Amino acid sequence: MTRAVGVGGFVAIVFACIALDVLNRRATSRGPNFTQVLSWLQAGRLGQIAVFVAWGFTGWHFFVR
């Protein structure tokens, strides 16, 4: 896999997440937006650890490498 394919994959994931969040912020939507999902995930101790590890991985992957 080339670097361009990897970057393209991450860009596609980001755009898909943004599109899903925008769609779920409409008044007629029944799905949760990103803020609601993050709040639900951080309600428990394991979720807090998972979010912390995800932020750490993201920071290490994009800024330290």
C-alpha atoms as a PDB file:
ATOM      1  CA  MET A   1       0.000   0.000   0.000  1.00  0.00           C
ATOM      2  CA  THR A   2       1.347   3.398  -0.889  1.00  0.00           C
ATOM      3  CA  ARG A   3       1.261   6.497   1.264  1.00  0.00           C
ATOM      4  CA  ALA A   4      -1.319   8.113  -1.030  1.00  0.00           C
ATOM      5  CA  VAL A   5      -3.697   5.170  -0.613  1.00  0.00           C
ATOM      6  CA  GLY A   6      -3.315   5.303   3.189  1.00  0.00           C
ATOM      7  CA  VAL A   7      -3.923   9.046   3.345  1.00  0.00           C
ATOM      8  CA  GLY A   8      -6.870   8.674   0.958  1.00  0.00           C
ATOM      9  CA  GLY A   9      -8.365   6.013   3.228  1.00  0.00           C
ATOM     10  CA  PHE A  10      -8.111   8.241   6.305  1.00  0.00           C
ATOM     11  CA  VAL A  11      -9.575  11.192   4.386  1.00  0.00           C
ATOM     12  CA  ALA A  12     -12.490   9.023   3.256  1.00  0.00           C
ATOM     13  CA  ILE A  13     -13.143   7.936   6.849  1.00  0.00           C
ATOM     14  CA  VAL A  14     -13.092  11.547   8.066  1.00  0.00           C
ATOM     15  CA  PHE A  15     -15.521  12.668   5.347  1.00  0.00           C
ATOM     16  CA  ALA A  16     -17.844   9.733   6.058  1.00  0.00           C
ATOM     17  CA  CYS A  17     -17.875  10.608   9.781  1.00  0.00           C
ATOM     18  CA  ILE A  18     -18.576  14.278   9.072  1.00  0.00           C
ATOM     19  CA  ALA A  19     -21.376  13.393   6.639  1.00  0.00           C
ATOM     20  CA  LEU A  20     -22.953  10.999   9.149  1.00  0.00           C
ATOM     21  CA  ASP A  21     -22.756  13.608  11.916  1.00  0.00           C
ATOM     22  CA  VAL A  22     -24.333  16.289   9.718  1.00  0.00           C
ATOM     23  CA  LEU A  23     -27.144  13.931   8.695  1.00  0.00           C
ATOM     24  CA  ASN A  24     -27.837  12.971  12.305  1.00  0.00           C
ATOM     25  CA  ARG A  25     -28.057  16.599  13.473  1.00  0.00           C
ATOM     26  CA  ARG A  26     -31.257  17.164  11.470  1.00  0.00           C
ATOM     27  CA  ALA A  27     -34.459  17.498  13.463  1.00  0.00           C
ATOM     28  CA  THR A  28     -36.037  14.459  11.761  1.00  0.00           C
ATOM     29  CA  SER A  29     -33.058  12.160  12.341  1.00  0.00           C
ATOM     30  CA  ARG A  30     -33.310   9.273  14.782  1.00  0.00           C
ATOM     31  CA  GLY A  31     -29.575   8.522  14.983  1.00  0.00           C
ATOM     32  CA  PRO A  32     -27.071   9.984  17.441  1.00  0.00           C
ATOM     33  CA  ASN A  33     -24.593  12.681  16.464  1.00  0.00           C
ATOM     34  CA  PHE A  34     -20.892  12.526  17.339  1.00  0.00           C
ATOM     35  CA  THR A  35     -21.285  14.411  20.626  1.00  0.00           C
ATOM     36  CA  GLN A  36     -23.987  12.030  21.834  1.00  0.00           C
ATOM     37  CA  VAL A  37     -21.957   8.967  20.881  1.00  0.00           C
ATOM     38  CA  LEU A  38     -18.879  10.304  22.669  1.00  0.00           C
ATOM     39  CA  SER A  39     -20.919  11.121  25.795  1.00  0.00           C
ATOM     40  CA  TRP A  40     -22.439   7.638  25.789  1.00  0.00           C
ATOM     41  CA  LEU A  41     -19.029   6.042  25.318  1.00  0.00           C
ATOM     42  CA  GLN A  42     -17.446   8.026  28.153  1.00  0.00           C
ATOM     43  CA  ALA A  43     -20.237   7.224  30.620  1.00  0.00           C
ATOM     44  CA  GLY A  44     -18.320   4.207  31.914  1.00  0.00           C
ATOM     45  CA  ARG A  45     -14.729   3.755  33.062  1.00  0.00           C
ATOM     46  CA  LEU A  46     -13.860   1.393  30.192  1.00  0.00           C
ATOM     47  CA  GLY A  47     -15.207   3.902  27.670  1.00  0.00           C
ATOM     48  CA  GLN A  48     -13.111   6.673  29.177  1.00  0.00           C
ATOM     49  CA  ILE A  49     -10.016   4.513  28.832  1.00  0.00           C
ATOM     50  CA  ALA A  50     -10.947   3.611  25.244  1.00  0.00           C
ATOM     51  CA  VAL A  51     -11.356   7.279  24.265  1.00  0.00           C
ATOM     52  CA  PHE A  52      -8.053   8.148  25.953  1.00  0.00           C
ATOM     53  CA  VAL A  53      -6.252   5.350  24.107  1.00  0.00           C
ATOM     54  CA  ALA A  54      -7.853   6.402  20.799  1.00  0.00           C
ATOM     55  CA  TRP A  55      -6.685  10.013  21.294  1.00  0.00           C
ATOM     56  CA  GLY A  56      -3.219   8.764  22.222  1.00  0.00           C
ATOM     57  CA  PHE A  57      -3.033   6.540  19.153  1.00  0.00           C
ATOM     58  CA  THR A  58      -4.181   9.379  16.911  1.00  0.00           C
ATOM     59  CA  GLY A  59      -1.656  11.794  18.372  1.00  0.00           C
ATOM     60  CA  TRP A  60       1.176   9.284  18.130  1.00  0.00           C
ATOM     61  CA  HIS A  61       0.215   8.217  14.610  1.00  0.00           C
ATOM     62  CA  PHE A  62      -0.120  11.689  13.110  1.00  0.00           C
ATOM     63  CA  PHE A  63       2.189  13.935  15.131  1.00  0.00           C
ATOM     64  CA  VAL A  64       5.062  11.851  16.528  1.00  0.00           C
ATOM     65  CA  ARG A  65       5.725   9.593  13.575  1.00  0.00           C
END
